[in-house]
Amino acid sequence: MKVQLLYFDGCPGWQVAEARLREALATVGSAAAVERVRVETPEAAEALRFHGSPSVLIDGEDPFAPVGATVGLACRLYRTPDGADSAPTVAQLVEALAGRDLSSPAR
């Protein structure tokens, strides 16, 4: 399983997302590494299908991207049970990881 955290420095929410992502991975028993990917240009945002900072990709998919979401260098907000937040909750991340082959090596 390949886990990436896409971000840019202008949005500090990526640090919260990384901490929650690491906690979620530990919760599901995965030793997958979190690869940080800094997105610095509009061209890179387009190529990576970057829906804003922070974005979590699991095996190349953004499980939180709404249908028709735009790409670009912007700060991202997530809908959580407690309202808008700069990162998904640990529970949301655990749900996104559920059903994945946690033993498969990163691709």
C-alpha atoms as a PDB file:
ATOM      1  CA  MET A   1       0.000   0.000   0.000  1.00  0.00           C
ATOM      2  CA  LYS A   2       1.316   3.415  -0.954  1.00  0.00           C
ATOM      3  CA  VAL A   3       0.325   6.346   1.265  1.00  0.00           C
ATOM      4  CA  GLN A   4       1.119   9.902   0.231  1.00  0.00           C
ATOM      5  CA  LEU A   5       0.458  13.239   1.885  1.00  0.00           C
ATOM      6  CA  LEU A   6       0.321  16.038  -0.682  1.00  0.00           C
ATOM      7  CA  TYR A   7       0.725  19.558   0.637  1.00  0.00           C
ATOM      8  CA  PHE A   8       2.182  22.982   0.151  1.00  0.00           C
ATOM      9  CA  ASP A   9       3.794  25.135   2.797  1.00  0.00           C
ATOM     10  CA  GLY A  10       1.129  27.868   2.683  1.00  0.00           C
ATOM     11  CA  CYS A  11      -1.407  25.667   4.499  1.00  0.00           C
ATOM     12  CA  PRO A  12      -0.388  24.448   7.966  1.00  0.00           C
ATOM     13  CA  GLY A  13      -3.152  21.793   8.112  1.00  0.00           C
ATOM     14  CA  TRP A  14      -0.838  19.235   6.507  1.00  0.00           C
ATOM     15  CA  GLN A  15       0.963  18.743   9.830  1.00  0.00           C
ATOM     16  CA  VAL A  16      -2.302  17.840  11.566  1.00  0.00           C
ATOM     17  CA  ALA A  17      -3.186  15.533   8.673  1.00  0.00           C
ATOM     18  CA  GLU A  18       0.167  13.779   8.893  1.00  0.00           C
ATOM     19  CA  ALA A  19      -0.181  13.143  12.626  1.00  0.00           C
ATOM     20  CA  ARG A  20      -3.727  11.807  12.196  1.00  0.00           C
ATOM     21  CA  LEU A  21      -2.688   9.685   9.223  1.00  0.00           C
ATOM     22  CA  ARG A  22       0.143   8.084  11.188  1.00  0.00           C
ATOM     23  CA  GLU A  23      -2.279   7.375  14.050  1.00  0.00           C
ATOM     24  CA  ALA A  24      -4.800   5.836  11.647  1.00  0.00           C
ATOM     25  CA  LEU A  25      -2.128   3.619  10.086  1.00  0.00           C
ATOM     26  CA  ALA A  26      -1.094   2.423  13.546  1.00  0.00           C
ATOM     27  CA  THR A  27      -4.740   1.782  14.429  1.00  0.00           C
ATOM     28  CA  VAL A  28      -5.228  -0.502  11.420  1.00  0.00           C
ATOM     29  CA  GLY A  29      -1.889  -2.213  12.036  1.00  0.00           C
ATOM     30  CA  SER A  30      -0.127  -0.963   8.927  1.00  0.00           C
ATOM     31  CA  ALA A  31       3.567  -0.205   8.830  1.00  0.00           C
ATOM     32  CA  ALA A  32       3.178   1.747   5.575  1.00  0.00           C
ATOM     33  CA  ALA A  33       5.378   4.799   5.354  1.00  0.00           C
ATOM     34  CA  VAL A  34       3.814   8.190   4.725  1.00  0.00           C
ATOM     35  CA  GLU A  35       5.477   9.834   1.749  1.00  0.00           C
ATOM     36  CA  ARG A  36       5.324  13.621   1.870  1.00  0.00           C
ATOM     37  CA  VAL A  37       4.871  15.231  -1.542  1.00  0.00           C
ATOM     38  CA  ARG A  38       5.293  19.003  -1.677  1.00  0.00           C
ATOM     39  CA  VAL A  39       3.264  20.528  -4.501  1.00  0.00           C
ATOM     40  CA  GLU A  40       4.849  23.781  -5.627  1.00  0.00           C
ATOM     41  CA  THR A  41       3.375  24.740  -8.998  1.00  0.00           C
ATOM     42  CA  PRO A  42      -0.025  24.797 -10.697  1.00  0.00           C
ATOM     43  CA  GLU A  43       1.372  22.348 -13.250  1.00  0.00           C
ATOM     44  CA  ALA A  44       2.349  19.897 -10.503  1.00  0.00           C
ATOM     45  CA  ALA A  45      -1.086  20.321  -8.915  1.00  0.00           C
ATOM     46  CA  GLU A  46      -2.727  19.414 -12.214  1.00  0.00           C
ATOM     47  CA  ALA A  47      -0.432  16.434 -12.832  1.00  0.00           C
ATOM     48  CA  LEU A  48      -1.051  15.050  -9.320  1.00  0.00           C
ATOM     49  CA  ARG A  49      -4.803  15.809  -9.326  1.00  0.00           C
ATOM     50  CA  PHE A  50      -4.138  17.864  -6.194  1.00  0.00           C
ATOM     51  CA  HIS A  51      -7.425  18.918  -4.579  1.00  0.00           C
ATOM     52  CA  GLY A  52      -5.767  21.229  -2.072  1.00  0.00           C
ATOM     53  CA  SER A  53      -3.513  21.060   0.938  1.00  0.00           C
ATOM     54  CA  PRO A  54      -3.472  18.658   2.594  1.00  0.00           C
ATOM     55  CA  SER A  55      -4.541  15.745   0.408  1.00  0.00           C
ATOM     56  CA  VAL A  56      -4.153  12.091   1.312  1.00  0.00           C
ATOM     57  CA  LEU A  57      -3.622   9.568  -1.473  1.00  0.00           C
ATOM     58  CA  ILE A  58      -3.980   5.859  -0.808  1.00  0.00           C
ATOM     59  CA  ASP A  59      -2.619   3.811  -3.685  1.00  0.00           C
ATOM     60  CA  GLY A  60      -2.945   6.906  -5.864  1.00  0.00           C
ATOM     61  CA  GLU A  61      -6.574   7.622  -4.945  1.00  0.00           C
ATOM     62  CA  ASP A  62      -7.929  10.558  -2.933  1.00  0.00           C
ATOM     63  CA  PRO A  63     -10.721   8.950  -0.885  1.00  0.00           C
ATOM     64  CA  PHE A  64     -11.996  12.347   0.272  1.00  0.00           C
ATOM     65  CA  ALA A  65     -12.224  14.175  -3.054  1.00  0.00           C
ATOM     66  CA  PRO A  66     -15.767  15.164  -3.912  1.00  0.00           C
ATOM     67  CA  VAL A  67     -16.972  14.348  -7.414  1.00  0.00           C
ATOM     68  CA  GLY A  68     -16.010  17.171  -9.748  1.00  0.00           C
ATOM     69  CA  ALA A  69     -13.591  18.749  -7.271  1.00  0.00           C
ATOM     70  CA  THR A  70     -11.206  21.251  -8.810  1.00  0.00           C
ATOM     71  CA  VAL A  71      -7.443  20.938  -8.626  1.00  0.00           C
ATOM     72  CA  GLY A  72      -4.961  23.633  -7.721  1.00  0.00           C
ATOM     73  CA  LEU A  73      -2.876  25.272  -5.045  1.00  0.00           C
ATOM     74  CA  ALA A  74      -5.418  25.999  -2.325  1.00  0.00           C
ATOM     75  CA  CYS A  75      -6.004  25.167   1.308  1.00  0.00           C
ATOM     76  CA  ARG A  76      -8.470  22.351   1.760  1.00  0.00           C
ATOM     77  CA  LEU A  77     -11.219  21.832   4.307  1.00  0.00           C
ATOM     78  CA  TYR A  78     -12.772  18.487   5.230  1.00  0.00           C
ATOM     79  CA  ARG A  79     -16.275  17.750   6.452  1.00  0.00           C
ATOM     80  CA  THR A  80     -16.027  15.982   9.788  1.00  0.00           C
ATOM     81  CA  PRO A  81     -18.661  15.041  12.376  1.00  0.00           C
ATOM     82  CA  ASP A  82     -17.592  18.144  14.328  1.00  0.00           C
ATOM     83  CA  GLY A  83     -17.750  20.497  11.331  1.00  0.00           C
ATOM     84  CA  ALA A  84     -15.117  21.786   8.925  1.00  0.00           C
ATOM     85  CA  ASP A  85     -11.514  20.931   9.725  1.00  0.00           C
ATOM     86  CA  SER A  86      -8.144  21.255   8.035  1.00  0.00           C
ATOM     87  CA  ALA A  87      -7.706  17.455   8.001  1.00  0.00           C
ATOM     88  CA  PRO A  88      -9.813  14.307   8.089  1.00  0.00           C
ATOM     89  CA  THR A  89     -10.360  12.794  11.527  1.00  0.00           C
ATOM     90  CA  VAL A  90      -8.489   9.664  12.571  1.00  0.00           C
ATOM     91  CA  ALA A  91     -11.774   7.744  12.303  1.00  0.00           C
ATOM     92  CA  GLN A  92     -12.327   8.991   8.738  1.00  0.00           C
ATOM     93  CA  LEU A  93      -8.793   7.964   7.806  1.00  0.00           C
ATOM     94  CA  VAL A  94      -9.248   4.526   9.398  1.00  0.00           C
ATOM     95  CA  GLU A  95     -12.423   4.106   7.338  1.00  0.00           C
ATOM     96  CA  ALA A  96     -10.551   5.121   4.169  1.00  0.00           C
ATOM     97  CA  LEU A  97      -7.874   2.526   4.934  1.00  0.00           C
ATOM     98  CA  ALA A  98     -10.411  -0.223   5.665  1.00  0.00           C
ATOM     99  CA  GLY A  99     -10.498  -2.957   3.081  1.00  0.00           C
ATOM    100  CA  ARG A 100      -7.061  -2.131   1.718  1.00  0.00           C
ATOM    101  CA  ASP A 101      -4.379  -4.782   1.433  1.00  0.00           C
ATOM    102  CA  LEU A 102      -2.282  -3.531   4.327  1.00  0.00           C
ATOM    103  CA  SER A 103       0.347  -6.214   3.793  1.00  0.00           C
ATOM    104  CA  SER A 104       1.075  -5.305   0.204  1.00  0.00           C
ATOM    105  CA  PRO A 105       4.295  -3.393  -0.348  1.00  0.00           C
ATOM    106  CA  ALA A 106       4.224   0.199  -1.476  1.00  0.00           C
ATOM    107  CA  ARG A 107       3.924   0.505  -5.223  1.00  0.00           C
END
